[in-house]
Amino acid sequence: MVYRKFNLSKDELYELYVIKKLTQDEIAKIANVSRRTVGLWLDRYGIKKRPRNGVILKVNSLKLPKEEWKYIYLAGIIDGEGTIKVRQDKQHRHHLVLQVGNTCFELIKWLQDNFGGYIYERIPKKRTWSKYWVWELHGVLDVSILLSKIIPYLIVKKQKAEDLINLAEEIKKRYIFE
């Protein structure tokens, strides 16, 4: 059996990609074309592409709640589900990142509501995996400030947090002139 390839109109593509929120891979299967072809159609029609591995839902700057229990709770989440890391870009600049991934959207939303940051929806790589959400806080100042608030309550990732705070101090000395 031979399946026929076909072009989608701008309206059809908009309906599938924007309204129904199908992925490029799903649209490619419907149209019997490659994912790359769907990407080219999106470019041609001027439809803004979503990141392949998720959608940024909202962006906020750092928030610092007044309640101490929230920092204690965050420390437990970071110790169990979180990541404290440094990313280095092509210009060899360091980017501090605090990250938590979880299948419970309510937890991820709570983190953003209380501490700011970004939320991403991650599409699972395998069909048997569940969709999950990621909360991230970026930036030398934001991450170092929040880590300094939760470090007394960290257990597993305490050393990593101390190392990142020290790195943040070195970076601040390099770029902030007194």
N, C-alpha and C. Protein backbone atom coordinates (compact mmCIF):
# COMPACT_ATOMS: atom_id res chain seq x y z
N MET A 1 0.84 -1.18 0.00
CA MET A 1 0.00 0.00 0.00
C MET A 1 0.89 1.24 0.00
N VAL A 2 0.63 2.19 -0.85
CA VAL A 2 1.40 3.41 -0.96
C VAL A 2 0.60 4.55 -0.36
N TYR A 3 1.21 5.24 0.59
CA TYR A 3 0.54 6.39 1.19
C TYR A 3 0.97 7.64 0.44
N ARG A 4 0.02 8.50 0.17
CA ARG A 4 0.27 9.70 -0.59
C ARG A 4 0.65 10.84 0.35
N LYS A 5 1.71 11.58 -0.01
CA LYS A 5 2.09 12.76 0.75
C LYS A 5 1.22 13.92 0.30
N PHE A 6 0.94 14.83 1.22
CA PHE A 6 0.18 16.00 0.81
C PHE A 6 0.61 17.22 1.60
N ASN A 7 0.37 18.39 1.02
CA ASN A 7 0.68 19.65 1.67
C ASN A 7 -0.52 20.09 2.50
N LEU A 8 -0.24 20.70 3.63
CA LEU A 8 -1.30 21.26 4.45
C LEU A 8 -1.38 22.76 4.16
N SER A 9 -2.58 23.28 4.13
CA SER A 9 -2.74 24.73 3.97
C SER A 9 -2.35 25.41 5.28
N LYS A 10 -2.19 26.72 5.22
CA LYS A 10 -1.84 27.49 6.42
C LYS A 10 -2.91 27.30 7.49
N ASP A 11 -4.17 27.35 7.10
CA ASP A 11 -5.27 27.19 8.05
C ASP A 11 -5.29 25.81 8.68
N GLU A 12 -5.05 24.77 7.86
CA GLU A 12 -5.03 23.40 8.38
C GLU A 12 -3.87 23.21 9.36
N LEU A 13 -2.70 23.73 8.98
CA LEU A 13 -1.53 23.60 9.84
C LEU A 13 -1.74 24.37 11.15
N TYR A 14 -2.29 25.57 11.05
CA TYR A 14 -2.57 26.38 12.24
C TYR A 14 -3.54 25.64 13.17
N GLU A 15 -4.56 25.05 12.60
CA GLU A 15 -5.55 24.29 13.38
C GLU A 15 -4.88 23.14 14.14
N LEU A 16 -4.03 22.38 13.45
CA LEU A 16 -3.39 21.22 14.07
C LEU A 16 -2.33 21.62 15.10
N TYR A 17 -1.51 22.61 14.74
CA TYR A 17 -0.35 22.94 15.57
C TYR A 17 -0.69 23.91 16.71
N VAL A 18 -1.46 24.94 16.42
CA VAL A 18 -1.75 25.95 17.43
C VAL A 18 -3.01 25.63 18.23
N ILE A 19 -4.09 25.32 17.53
CA ILE A 19 -5.36 25.09 18.22
C ILE A 19 -5.38 23.73 18.92
N LYS A 20 -5.06 22.65 18.18
CA LYS A 20 -5.10 21.30 18.76
C LYS A 20 -3.81 20.93 19.48
N LYS A 21 -2.77 21.78 19.33
CA LYS A 21 -1.47 21.59 20.01
C LYS A 21 -0.80 20.25 19.71
N LEU A 22 -0.97 19.77 18.47
CA LEU A 22 -0.25 18.56 18.06
C LEU A 22 1.22 18.89 17.89
N THR A 23 2.08 17.91 18.09
CA THR A 23 3.51 18.12 17.88
C THR A 23 3.83 18.06 16.39
N GLN A 24 5.02 18.50 16.04
CA GLN A 24 5.45 18.42 14.64
C GLN A 24 5.51 16.96 14.20
N ASP A 25 5.93 16.07 15.09
CA ASP A 25 5.99 14.65 14.76
C ASP A 25 4.60 14.09 14.46
N GLU A 26 3.60 14.48 15.27
CA GLU A 26 2.24 14.00 15.06
C GLU A 26 1.67 14.51 13.73
N ILE A 27 1.95 15.77 13.42
CA ILE A 27 1.48 16.33 12.15
C ILE A 27 2.18 15.64 10.98
N ALA A 28 3.46 15.34 11.15
CA ALA A 28 4.21 14.65 10.09
C ALA A 28 3.59 13.29 9.78
N LYS A 29 3.14 12.58 10.81
CA LYS A 29 2.49 11.28 10.58
C LYS A 29 1.17 11.44 9.84
N ILE A 30 0.41 12.46 10.21
CA ILE A 30 -0.87 12.71 9.54
C ILE A 30 -0.67 13.02 8.06
N ALA A 31 0.34 13.87 7.77
CA ALA A 31 0.58 14.31 6.39
C ALA A 31 1.50 13.37 5.62
N ASN A 32 2.02 12.35 6.30
CA ASN A 32 2.95 11.40 5.69
C ASN A 32 4.19 12.10 5.12
N VAL A 33 4.75 13.00 5.93
CA VAL A 33 5.97 13.71 5.58
C VAL A 33 6.91 13.65 6.77
N SER A 34 8.11 14.19 6.62
CA SER A 34 9.06 14.19 7.72
C SER A 34 8.76 15.35 8.68
N ARG A 35 9.30 15.25 9.87
CA ARG A 35 9.17 16.31 10.85
C ARG A 35 9.80 17.59 10.31
N ARG A 36 10.91 17.43 9.62
CA ARG A 36 11.61 18.59 9.04
C ARG A 36 10.70 19.33 8.05
N THR A 37 9.95 18.60 7.26
CA THR A 37 9.02 19.22 6.30
C THR A 37 7.97 20.04 7.04
N VAL A 38 7.45 19.50 8.14
CA VAL A 38 6.46 20.24 8.93
C VAL A 38 7.10 21.52 9.46
N GLY A 39 8.34 21.44 9.90
CA GLY A 39 9.04 22.63 10.36
C GLY A 39 9.20 23.68 9.27
N LEU A 40 9.48 23.22 8.07
CA LEU A 40 9.60 24.14 6.93
C LEU A 40 8.26 24.80 6.62
N TRP A 41 7.17 24.04 6.70
CA TRP A 41 5.84 24.61 6.49
C TRP A 41 5.55 25.69 7.53
N LEU A 42 5.86 25.39 8.80
CA LEU A 42 5.63 26.37 9.86
C LEU A 42 6.38 27.67 9.57
N ASP A 43 7.64 27.53 9.13
CA ASP A 43 8.44 28.71 8.78
C ASP A 43 7.81 29.46 7.61
N ARG A 44 7.44 28.73 6.58
CA ARG A 44 6.88 29.34 5.37
C ARG A 44 5.61 30.12 5.69
N TYR A 45 4.75 29.55 6.56
CA TYR A 45 3.49 30.19 6.89
C TYR A 45 3.60 31.21 8.03
N GLY A 46 4.79 31.34 8.61
CA GLY A 46 4.99 32.31 9.69
C GLY A 46 4.35 31.92 11.00
N ILE A 47 4.21 30.62 11.23
CA ILE A 47 3.64 30.13 12.49
C ILE A 47 4.80 29.88 13.45
N LYS A 48 4.74 30.53 14.61
CA LYS A 48 5.82 30.43 15.59
C LYS A 48 5.93 29.00 16.14
N LYS A 49 7.16 28.47 16.12
CA LYS A 49 7.40 27.11 16.61
C LYS A 49 7.54 27.09 18.12
N ARG A 50 7.08 25.99 18.72
CA ARG A 50 7.30 25.74 20.14
C ARG A 50 8.64 25.01 20.28
N PRO A 51 9.30 25.12 21.43
CA PRO A 51 10.49 24.30 21.65
C PRO A 51 10.13 22.83 21.51
N ARG A 52 11.02 22.02 20.97
CA ARG A 52 10.71 20.62 20.70
C ARG A 52 10.37 19.84 21.95
N ASN A 53 11.06 20.16 23.05
CA ASN A 53 10.85 19.35 24.25
C ASN A 53 9.91 19.99 25.26
N GLY A 54 9.17 20.98 24.86
CA GLY A 54 8.22 21.54 25.81
C GLY A 54 7.85 22.96 25.51
N VAL A 55 7.01 23.48 26.33
CA VAL A 55 6.51 24.83 26.16
C VAL A 55 6.79 25.61 27.43
N ILE A 56 7.38 26.79 27.28
CA ILE A 56 7.56 27.65 28.44
C ILE A 56 6.20 28.24 28.77
N LEU A 57 5.70 27.98 29.97
CA LEU A 57 4.37 28.44 30.31
C LEU A 57 4.36 29.87 30.83
N LYS A 58 5.35 30.24 31.62
CA LYS A 58 5.33 31.55 32.23
C LYS A 58 6.72 31.89 32.71
N VAL A 59 7.04 33.15 32.73
CA VAL A 59 8.36 33.58 33.19
C VAL A 59 8.17 34.57 34.33
N ASN A 60 8.82 34.34 35.41
CA ASN A 60 8.81 35.25 36.55
C ASN A 60 10.23 35.43 37.07
N SER A 61 10.49 36.55 37.72
CA SER A 61 11.77 36.73 38.40
C SER A 61 11.67 36.11 39.80
N LEU A 62 12.79 36.10 40.50
CA LEU A 62 12.85 35.49 41.83
C LEU A 62 11.85 36.13 42.79
N LYS A 63 11.17 35.29 43.53
CA LYS A 63 10.28 35.73 44.60
C LYS A 63 10.80 35.13 45.90
N LEU A 64 10.75 35.89 46.96
CA LEU A 64 11.20 35.40 48.26
C LEU A 64 10.04 35.47 49.26
N PRO A 65 9.44 34.32 49.56
CA PRO A 65 8.31 34.32 50.50
C PRO A 65 8.77 34.66 51.92
N LYS A 66 7.84 35.13 52.72
CA LYS A 66 8.14 35.49 54.11
C LYS A 66 8.16 34.27 55.03
N GLU A 67 7.38 33.25 54.68
CA GLU A 67 7.25 32.07 55.54
C GLU A 67 8.48 31.17 55.45
N GLU A 68 9.09 30.89 56.59
CA GLU A 68 10.29 30.05 56.65
C GLU A 68 10.01 28.61 56.23
N TRP A 69 8.80 28.11 56.53
CA TRP A 69 8.46 26.73 56.20
C TRP A 69 8.55 26.46 54.70
N LYS A 70 8.33 27.46 53.87
CA LYS A 70 8.40 27.28 52.43
C LYS A 70 9.84 27.00 51.98
N TYR A 71 10.82 27.62 52.63
CA TYR A 71 12.22 27.35 52.32
C TYR A 71 12.61 25.94 52.75
N ILE A 72 12.07 25.52 53.90
CA ILE A 72 12.34 24.17 54.39
C ILE A 72 11.75 23.14 53.42
N TYR A 73 10.53 23.38 52.98
CA TYR A 73 9.87 22.48 52.03
C TYR A 73 10.62 22.44 50.70
N LEU A 74 11.04 23.61 50.22
CA LEU A 74 11.82 23.68 48.97
C LEU A 74 13.12 22.89 49.10
N ALA A 75 13.78 22.99 50.23
CA ALA A 75 15.02 22.24 50.44
C ALA A 75 14.77 20.74 50.32
N GLY A 76 13.67 20.27 50.90
CA GLY A 76 13.33 18.85 50.79
C GLY A 76 13.05 18.44 49.35
N ILE A 77 12.36 19.28 48.62
CA ILE A 77 12.07 18.99 47.21
C ILE A 77 13.36 18.96 46.40
N ILE A 78 14.23 19.93 46.62
CA ILE A 78 15.52 19.99 45.90
C ILE A 78 16.36 18.76 46.23
N ASP A 79 16.42 18.40 47.52
CA ASP A 79 17.18 17.21 47.91
C ASP A 79 16.65 15.94 47.23
N GLY A 80 15.33 15.82 47.12
CA GLY A 80 14.75 14.60 46.58
C GLY A 80 14.54 14.59 45.08
N GLU A 81 14.06 15.69 44.51
CA GLU A 81 13.67 15.73 43.10
C GLU A 81 14.46 16.74 42.28
N GLY A 82 15.29 17.53 42.93
CA GLY A 82 15.89 18.67 42.25
C GLY A 82 17.29 18.46 41.72
N THR A 83 17.72 19.47 40.98
CA THR A 83 19.07 19.51 40.42
C THR A 83 19.64 20.90 40.66
N ILE A 84 20.88 20.93 41.10
CA ILE A 84 21.62 22.18 41.26
C ILE A 84 22.80 22.04 40.31
N LYS A 85 22.88 22.94 39.30
CA LYS A 85 23.93 22.74 38.31
C LYS A 85 24.43 24.06 37.73
N VAL A 86 25.55 23.93 37.03
CA VAL A 86 26.14 25.05 36.30
C VAL A 86 26.16 24.66 34.83
N ARG A 87 25.61 25.52 33.99
CA ARG A 87 25.70 25.33 32.54
C ARG A 87 26.76 26.29 32.03
N GLN A 88 27.51 25.84 31.04
CA GLN A 88 28.50 26.70 30.43
C GLN A 88 28.14 26.87 28.96
N ASP A 89 28.04 28.13 28.50
CA ASP A 89 27.68 28.37 27.11
C ASP A 89 28.93 28.37 26.22
N LYS A 90 28.73 28.65 24.93
CA LYS A 90 29.84 28.61 23.97
C LYS A 90 30.89 29.68 24.24
N GLN A 91 30.49 30.75 24.91
CA GLN A 91 31.45 31.80 25.26
C GLN A 91 32.10 31.54 26.62
N HIS A 92 31.89 30.34 27.15
CA HIS A 92 32.46 29.89 28.43
C HIS A 92 31.96 30.71 29.61
N ARG A 93 30.74 31.25 29.50
CA ARG A 93 30.11 31.93 30.62
C ARG A 93 29.34 30.89 31.43
N HIS A 94 29.34 31.08 32.73
CA HIS A 94 28.65 30.16 33.63
C HIS A 94 27.23 30.63 33.90
N HIS A 95 26.29 29.68 33.88
CA HIS A 95 24.89 29.95 34.18
C HIS A 95 24.45 29.00 35.28
N LEU A 96 24.07 29.54 36.42
CA LEU A 96 23.60 28.72 37.53
C LEU A 96 22.13 28.40 37.34
N VAL A 97 21.77 27.14 37.62
CA VAL A 97 20.40 26.68 37.41
C VAL A 97 19.96 25.83 38.60
N LEU A 98 18.76 26.12 39.06
CA LEU A 98 18.09 25.31 40.06
C LEU A 98 16.89 24.72 39.36
N GLN A 99 16.70 23.39 39.43
CA GLN A 99 15.69 22.73 38.60
C GLN A 99 14.99 21.62 39.38
N VAL A 100 13.67 21.51 39.17
CA VAL A 100 12.88 20.42 39.75
C VAL A 100 11.95 19.89 38.66
N GLY A 101 11.97 18.59 38.45
CA GLY A 101 11.06 17.95 37.50
C GLY A 101 10.12 17.02 38.23
N ASN A 102 8.83 17.03 37.82
CA ASN A 102 7.86 16.18 38.49
C ASN A 102 6.63 16.01 37.61
N THR A 103 5.92 14.90 37.77
CA THR A 103 4.69 14.67 37.01
C THR A 103 3.50 15.39 37.65
N CYS A 104 3.67 15.91 38.84
CA CYS A 104 2.59 16.64 39.54
C CYS A 104 2.68 18.13 39.21
N PHE A 105 1.81 18.59 38.35
CA PHE A 105 1.82 19.99 37.93
C PHE A 105 1.57 20.92 39.12
N GLU A 106 0.73 20.52 40.07
CA GLU A 106 0.42 21.37 41.21
C GLU A 106 1.68 21.72 42.00
N LEU A 107 2.58 20.75 42.16
CA LEU A 107 3.84 21.01 42.87
C LEU A 107 4.69 22.02 42.10
N ILE A 108 4.82 21.82 40.80
CA ILE A 108 5.64 22.70 39.97
C ILE A 108 5.06 24.12 39.97
N LYS A 109 3.75 24.22 39.88
CA LYS A 109 3.08 25.53 39.91
C LYS A 109 3.28 26.20 41.26
N TRP A 110 3.23 25.43 42.34
CA TRP A 110 3.48 25.97 43.68
C TRP A 110 4.88 26.56 43.77
N LEU A 111 5.86 25.86 43.19
CA LEU A 111 7.24 26.37 43.21
C LEU A 111 7.31 27.72 42.49
N GLN A 112 6.68 27.80 41.34
CA GLN A 112 6.72 29.06 40.59
C GLN A 112 5.97 30.17 41.33
N ASP A 113 4.81 29.85 41.87
CA ASP A 113 4.03 30.86 42.59
C ASP A 113 4.78 31.41 43.79
N ASN A 114 5.59 30.58 44.43
CA ASN A 114 6.29 31.00 45.64
C ASN A 114 7.71 31.51 45.42
N PHE A 115 8.39 31.02 44.36
CA PHE A 115 9.79 31.37 44.16
C PHE A 115 10.10 31.99 42.79
N GLY A 116 9.09 32.12 41.92
CA GLY A 116 9.33 32.66 40.58
C GLY A 116 9.89 31.58 39.67
N GLY A 117 10.57 31.98 38.61
CA GLY A 117 11.20 31.03 37.71
C GLY A 117 10.35 30.69 36.51
N TYR A 118 10.76 29.66 35.81
CA TYR A 118 10.13 29.22 34.56
C TYR A 118 9.46 27.88 34.78
N ILE A 119 8.44 27.59 33.98
CA ILE A 119 7.84 26.26 33.95
C ILE A 119 7.87 25.76 32.51
N TYR A 120 8.33 24.53 32.34
CA TYR A 120 8.35 23.88 31.03
C TYR A 120 7.53 22.61 31.10
N GLU A 121 6.85 22.27 30.01
CA GLU A 121 6.22 20.97 29.89
C GLU A 121 7.17 20.11 29.07
N ARG A 122 7.53 18.97 29.58
CA ARG A 122 8.43 18.07 28.87
C ARG A 122 7.64 16.93 28.24
N ILE A 123 7.89 16.71 26.98
CA ILE A 123 7.25 15.62 26.25
C ILE A 123 8.11 14.37 26.47
N PRO A 124 7.51 13.27 26.92
CA PRO A 124 8.31 12.07 27.17
C PRO A 124 8.94 11.52 25.89
N LYS A 125 10.15 10.97 26.03
CA LYS A 125 10.85 10.40 24.88
C LYS A 125 10.28 9.04 24.50
N LYS A 126 9.70 8.35 25.47
CA LYS A 126 9.10 7.04 25.20
C LYS A 126 7.61 7.10 25.52
N ARG A 127 6.84 6.34 24.79
CA ARG A 127 5.38 6.36 24.97
C ARG A 127 4.95 5.87 26.34
N THR A 128 5.75 5.04 26.96
CA THR A 128 5.39 4.48 28.27
C THR A 128 5.68 5.46 29.41
N TRP A 129 6.43 6.52 29.13
CA TRP A 129 6.75 7.50 30.17
C TRP A 129 5.62 8.51 30.29
N SER A 130 5.47 9.07 31.46
CA SER A 130 4.45 10.10 31.69
C SER A 130 4.97 11.47 31.31
N LYS A 131 4.05 12.34 30.92
CA LYS A 131 4.40 13.74 30.70
C LYS A 131 4.80 14.32 32.05
N TYR A 132 5.79 15.21 32.05
CA TYR A 132 6.18 15.83 33.30
C TYR A 132 6.48 17.31 33.10
N TRP A 133 6.58 17.99 34.21
CA TRP A 133 6.79 19.43 34.22
C TRP A 133 8.11 19.74 34.90
N VAL A 134 8.73 20.84 34.48
CA VAL A 134 10.02 21.24 35.06
C VAL A 134 9.92 22.70 35.50
N TRP A 135 10.34 22.96 36.72
CA TRP A 135 10.48 24.33 37.23
C TRP A 135 11.97 24.64 37.23
N GLU A 136 12.34 25.82 36.71
CA GLU A 136 13.74 26.23 36.68
C GLU A 136 13.87 27.67 37.15
N LEU A 137 14.94 27.91 37.87
CA LEU A 137 15.34 29.26 38.24
C LEU A 137 16.75 29.44 37.70
N HIS A 138 16.97 30.51 36.94
CA HIS A 138 18.26 30.76 36.30
C HIS A 138 18.88 32.02 36.87
N GLY A 139 20.17 32.14 36.68
CA GLY A 139 20.86 33.39 36.99
C GLY A 139 21.72 33.30 38.23
N VAL A 140 22.87 33.92 38.15
CA VAL A 140 23.83 33.88 39.25
C VAL A 140 23.22 34.47 40.52
N LEU A 141 22.64 35.65 40.41
CA LEU A 141 22.10 36.30 41.60
C LEU A 141 20.88 35.55 42.16
N ASP A 142 19.91 35.24 41.29
CA ASP A 142 18.68 34.60 41.76
C ASP A 142 18.96 33.24 42.42
N VAL A 143 19.77 32.42 41.75
CA VAL A 143 20.05 31.08 42.28
C VAL A 143 20.87 31.17 43.57
N SER A 144 21.89 32.04 43.61
CA SER A 144 22.71 32.13 44.82
C SER A 144 21.91 32.67 46.00
N ILE A 145 21.01 33.63 45.76
CA ILE A 145 20.17 34.15 46.84
C ILE A 145 19.26 33.05 47.39
N LEU A 146 18.59 32.32 46.49
CA LEU A 146 17.68 31.27 46.95
C LEU A 146 18.44 30.12 47.63
N LEU A 147 19.58 29.75 47.07
CA LEU A 147 20.38 28.69 47.71
C LEU A 147 20.83 29.10 49.11
N SER A 148 21.19 30.35 49.28
CA SER A 148 21.63 30.81 50.61
C SER A 148 20.48 30.76 51.63
N LYS A 149 19.25 30.87 51.16
CA LYS A 149 18.08 30.77 52.05
C LYS A 149 17.78 29.32 52.45
N ILE A 150 18.05 28.36 51.54
CA ILE A 150 17.67 26.97 51.83
C ILE A 150 18.84 26.10 52.29
N ILE A 151 20.07 26.60 52.19
CA ILE A 151 21.24 25.76 52.50
C ILE A 151 21.22 25.18 53.92
N PRO A 152 20.71 25.88 54.93
CA PRO A 152 20.68 25.26 56.27
C PRO A 152 19.81 24.00 56.33
N TYR A 153 18.87 23.87 55.39
CA TYR A 153 17.91 22.77 55.42
C TYR A 153 18.25 21.66 54.44
N LEU A 154 19.24 21.87 53.58
CA LEU A 154 19.63 20.83 52.62
C LEU A 154 20.44 19.75 53.33
N ILE A 155 20.32 18.53 52.87
CA ILE A 155 21.10 17.42 53.42
C ILE A 155 21.94 16.81 52.30
N VAL A 156 21.28 16.24 51.29
CA VAL A 156 21.94 15.51 50.22
C VAL A 156 22.75 16.45 49.31
N LYS A 157 22.19 17.59 48.99
CA LYS A 157 22.81 18.49 48.01
C LYS A 157 23.44 19.73 48.65
N LYS A 158 23.73 19.64 49.94
CA LYS A 158 24.29 20.78 50.66
C LYS A 158 25.66 21.19 50.12
N GLN A 159 26.55 20.22 49.87
CA GLN A 159 27.89 20.53 49.37
C GLN A 159 27.83 21.17 47.99
N LYS A 160 26.98 20.64 47.14
CA LYS A 160 26.81 21.19 45.79
C LYS A 160 26.32 22.64 45.87
N ALA A 161 25.37 22.90 46.78
CA ALA A 161 24.85 24.26 46.96
C ALA A 161 25.95 25.20 47.46
N GLU A 162 26.76 24.73 48.40
CA GLU A 162 27.88 25.56 48.89
C GLU A 162 28.86 25.87 47.77
N ASP A 163 29.16 24.87 46.94
CA ASP A 163 30.07 25.08 45.81
C ASP A 163 29.51 26.12 44.83
N LEU A 164 28.22 26.05 44.56
CA LEU A 164 27.60 27.01 43.64
C LEU A 164 27.55 28.41 44.22
N ILE A 165 27.31 28.52 45.51
CA ILE A 165 27.32 29.85 46.14
C ILE A 165 28.72 30.45 46.05
N ASN A 166 29.76 29.63 46.28
CA ASN A 166 31.15 30.11 46.15
C ASN A 166 31.45 30.53 44.72
N LEU A 167 31.01 29.75 43.75
CA LEU A 167 31.20 30.09 42.35
C LEU A 167 30.48 31.41 42.02
N ALA A 168 29.28 31.56 42.54
CA ALA A 168 28.52 32.79 42.31
C ALA A 168 29.26 34.00 42.86
N GLU A 169 29.88 33.85 44.02
CA GLU A 169 30.67 34.95 44.60
C GLU A 169 31.85 35.32 43.70
N GLU A 170 32.53 34.31 43.15
CA GLU A 170 33.64 34.57 42.22
C GLU A 170 33.15 35.28 40.96
N ILE A 171 32.02 34.83 40.43
CA ILE A 171 31.46 35.46 39.22
C ILE A 171 31.07 36.90 39.50
N LYS A 172 30.44 37.15 40.65
CA LYS A 172 30.04 38.51 41.00
C LYS A 172 31.25 39.42 41.14
N LYS A 173 32.34 38.91 41.71
CA LYS A 173 33.56 39.73 41.84
C LYS A 173 34.13 40.09 40.48
N ARG A 174 34.02 39.17 39.52
CA ARG A 174 34.54 39.44 38.17
C ARG A 174 33.75 40.50 37.43
N TYR A 175 32.43 40.53 37.64
CA TYR A 175 31.58 41.37 36.81
C TYR A 175 30.98 42.58 37.52
N ILE A 176 31.08 42.63 38.83
CA ILE A 176 30.53 43.77 39.57
C ILE A 176 31.69 44.57 40.14
N PHE A 177 31.76 45.82 39.75
CA PHE A 177 32.83 46.69 40.20
C PHE A 177 32.33 47.55 41.34
N GLU A 178 33.13 47.62 42.38
CA GLU A 178 32.71 48.42 43.56
C GLU A 178 33.41 49.76 43.54
